[in-house]
Amino acid sequence: MIADKIGTLGFCIGGHLAFRAGFENEIEACIYCYPTGIYNGKLGKCVANTINSYIL
């Protein structure tokens, strides 16, 4: 562990959120397991309308 570094870890919906958080400049490492909605841009019932701005 490095005190001045920030990472994310999430499973399922948390994996989706960890994935999205990984695009923030402050995040140094990102681990996401079984993330929901990455392939279709949905977060639960709603559309994660900002996710497409992250994916090139």
Protein backbone atom coordinates (compact mmCIF):
# COMPACT_ATOMS: atom_id res chain seq x y z
CA MET A 1 0.00 0.00 0.00
CA ILE A 2 1.21 3.48 -0.90
CA ALA A 3 -0.33 6.20 1.24
CA ASP A 4 -0.67 8.88 -1.44
CA LYS A 5 -2.19 6.64 -4.16
CA ILE A 6 -5.90 5.89 -4.68
CA GLY A 7 -7.39 2.80 -6.33
CA THR A 8 -10.84 1.32 -6.84
CA LEU A 9 -12.24 -2.20 -6.41
CA GLY A 10 -15.77 -3.33 -7.11
CA PHE A 11 -17.96 -6.33 -7.87
CA CYS A 12 -21.19 -6.33 -9.91
CA ILE A 13 -22.68 -2.82 -9.78
CA GLY A 14 -19.64 -1.78 -7.72
CA GLY A 15 -17.51 -3.10 -10.57
CA HIS A 16 -19.34 -0.79 -12.94
CA LEU A 17 -18.72 2.14 -10.61
CA ALA A 18 -15.07 1.15 -10.12
CA PHE A 19 -14.67 1.06 -13.92
CA ARG A 20 -16.11 4.53 -14.26
CA ALA A 21 -14.07 5.88 -11.37
CA GLY A 22 -10.94 4.53 -13.07
CA PHE A 23 -11.21 7.29 -15.67
CA GLU A 24 -10.72 9.99 -13.04
CA ASN A 25 -7.22 11.49 -12.91
CA GLU A 26 -6.84 10.80 -9.18
CA ILE A 27 -7.29 7.03 -9.58
CA GLU A 28 -4.00 5.14 -10.01
CA ALA A 29 -5.37 1.57 -10.20
CA CYS A 30 -8.74 0.02 -10.96
CA ILE A 31 -10.00 -3.52 -10.41
CA TYR A 32 -13.51 -4.42 -11.47
CA CYS A 33 -15.02 -7.89 -11.27
CA TYR A 34 -18.23 -8.92 -13.06
CA PRO A 35 -19.23 -5.30 -13.78
CA THR A 36 -22.82 -4.78 -14.83
CA GLY A 37 -23.72 -2.69 -17.83
CA ILE A 38 -20.27 -2.11 -19.35
CA TYR A 39 -21.28 -3.78 -22.61
CA ASN A 40 -24.63 -2.00 -23.02
CA GLY A 41 -24.10 1.30 -21.18
CA LYS A 42 -26.77 0.63 -18.54
CA LEU A 43 -26.52 0.95 -14.80
CA GLY A 44 -29.44 -1.01 -13.35
CA LYS A 45 -32.65 0.02 -15.09
CA CYS A 46 -31.27 3.40 -16.15
CA VAL A 47 -28.89 4.31 -18.92
CA ALA A 48 -25.42 5.30 -17.72
CA ASN A 49 -25.36 8.15 -20.19
CA THR A 50 -21.88 9.36 -19.25
CA ILE A 51 -20.13 6.04 -19.84
CA ASN A 52 -19.82 6.57 -23.59
CA SER A 53 -17.83 9.74 -23.03
CA TYR A 54 -15.16 7.61 -21.31
CA ILE A 55 -14.86 4.88 -23.94
CA LEU A 56 -12.98 5.91 -27.05
